[in-house]
Amino acid sequence: ERRDPPSRQSPIDILQERFAKGEIDQKEYDDRRRTLSGTH
């Protein structure tokens, strides 16, 4: 069960947070950021 309050973060914000926490690496961050921003 998550105790965090529901957030209104954008997908990019969530991606940046995961990268900052070390959950994803630079390549995955870049790939997902491109996908989310629509620039492949």
N, C-alpha and C. Protein backbone atom coordinates (compact mmCIF):
# COMPACT_ATOMS: atom_id res chain seq x y z
N GLU A 1 0.85 -1.19 0.00
CA GLU A 1 0.00 0.00 0.00
C GLU A 1 0.88 1.24 0.00
N ARG A 2 0.57 2.15 -0.91
CA ARG A 2 1.34 3.40 -0.98
C ARG A 2 0.77 4.41 -0.01
N ARG A 3 1.67 5.09 0.65
CA ARG A 3 1.24 6.12 1.60
C ARG A 3 1.35 7.51 1.00
N ASP A 4 1.96 7.60 -0.18
CA ASP A 4 2.11 8.91 -0.82
C ASP A 4 0.75 9.43 -1.24
N PRO A 5 0.53 10.73 -1.10
CA PRO A 5 -0.73 11.29 -1.60
C PRO A 5 -0.75 11.24 -3.12
N PRO A 6 -1.92 11.17 -3.70
CA PRO A 6 -1.97 11.17 -5.17
C PRO A 6 -1.30 12.43 -5.71
N SER A 7 -0.50 12.26 -6.72
CA SER A 7 0.21 13.42 -7.26
C SER A 7 -0.28 13.72 -8.66
N ARG A 8 0.01 14.91 -9.10
CA ARG A 8 -0.36 15.31 -10.45
C ARG A 8 0.89 15.55 -11.27
N GLN A 9 1.89 14.72 -11.05
CA GLN A 9 3.13 14.86 -11.80
C GLN A 9 2.90 14.46 -13.25
N SER A 10 3.61 15.14 -14.13
CA SER A 10 3.57 14.74 -15.53
C SER A 10 4.42 13.49 -15.70
N PRO A 11 4.21 12.76 -16.78
CA PRO A 11 5.06 11.59 -17.04
C PRO A 11 6.55 11.94 -17.06
N ILE A 12 6.89 13.11 -17.58
CA ILE A 12 8.29 13.53 -17.61
C ILE A 12 8.81 13.73 -16.19
N ASP A 13 7.99 14.33 -15.32
CA ASP A 13 8.40 14.52 -13.92
C ASP A 13 8.67 13.17 -13.25
N ILE A 14 7.79 12.21 -13.48
CA ILE A 14 7.95 10.89 -12.90
C ILE A 14 9.22 10.23 -13.43
N LEU A 15 9.45 10.38 -14.73
CA LEU A 15 10.65 9.82 -15.35
C LEU A 15 11.91 10.43 -14.73
N GLN A 16 11.92 11.74 -14.58
CA GLN A 16 13.09 12.40 -13.99
C GLN A 16 13.31 11.94 -12.55
N GLU A 17 12.23 11.74 -11.82
CA GLU A 17 12.34 11.28 -10.44
C GLU A 17 12.92 9.87 -10.38
N ARG A 18 12.46 9.00 -11.27
CA ARG A 18 12.98 7.62 -11.29
C ARG A 18 14.46 7.61 -11.66
N PHE A 19 14.85 8.47 -12.58
CA PHE A 19 16.26 8.56 -12.97
C PHE A 19 17.09 9.06 -11.78
N ALA A 20 16.58 10.07 -11.10
CA ALA A 20 17.29 10.64 -9.96
C ALA A 20 17.46 9.61 -8.84
N LYS A 21 16.49 8.74 -8.67
CA LYS A 21 16.56 7.71 -7.63
C LYS A 21 17.44 6.53 -8.05
N GLY A 22 17.86 6.51 -9.30
CA GLY A 22 18.69 5.40 -9.77
C GLY A 22 17.89 4.18 -10.20
N GLU A 23 16.58 4.35 -10.40
CA GLU A 23 15.74 3.22 -10.80
C GLU A 23 15.94 2.88 -12.27
N ILE A 24 16.32 3.86 -13.07
CA ILE A 24 16.59 3.64 -14.48
C ILE A 24 17.93 4.28 -14.83
N ASP A 25 18.57 3.77 -15.89
CA ASP A 25 19.87 4.32 -16.27
C ASP A 25 19.70 5.42 -17.32
N GLN A 26 20.83 6.02 -17.70
CA GLN A 26 20.81 7.15 -18.63
C GLN A 26 20.16 6.78 -19.96
N LYS A 27 20.50 5.60 -20.50
CA LYS A 27 19.95 5.20 -21.79
C LYS A 27 18.43 5.05 -21.71
N GLU A 28 17.96 4.37 -20.68
CA GLU A 28 16.53 4.18 -20.53
C GLU A 28 15.83 5.53 -20.34
N TYR A 29 16.44 6.40 -19.55
CA TYR A 29 15.88 7.74 -19.36
C TYR A 29 15.74 8.47 -20.69
N ASP A 30 16.83 8.47 -21.48
CA ASP A 30 16.80 9.16 -22.77
C ASP A 30 15.76 8.56 -23.71
N ASP A 31 15.72 7.22 -23.77
CA ASP A 31 14.76 6.55 -24.65
C ASP A 31 13.32 6.90 -24.26
N ARG A 32 13.03 6.82 -22.99
CA ARG A 32 11.66 7.09 -22.53
C ARG A 32 11.30 8.57 -22.68
N ARG A 33 12.28 9.44 -22.44
CA ARG A 33 12.01 10.88 -22.60
C ARG A 33 11.66 11.19 -24.05
N ARG A 34 12.40 10.59 -24.97
CA ARG A 34 12.10 10.79 -26.39
C ARG A 34 10.70 10.27 -26.73
N THR A 35 10.38 9.11 -26.21
CA THR A 35 9.06 8.53 -26.46
C THR A 35 7.95 9.43 -25.92
N LEU A 36 8.12 9.91 -24.70
CA LEU A 36 7.10 10.75 -24.08
C LEU A 36 6.95 12.10 -24.77
N SER A 37 8.06 12.63 -25.28
CA SER A 37 7.98 13.94 -25.92
C SER A 37 7.63 13.82 -27.41
N GLY A 38 7.55 12.58 -27.89
CA GLY A 38 7.13 12.37 -29.27
C GLY A 38 8.21 12.58 -30.30
N THR A 39 9.47 12.67 -29.89
CA THR A 39 10.57 12.82 -30.83
C THR A 39 11.38 11.55 -30.84
N HIS A 40 11.14 10.72 -31.84
CA HIS A 40 11.82 9.42 -31.91
C HIS A 40 13.07 9.55 -32.73
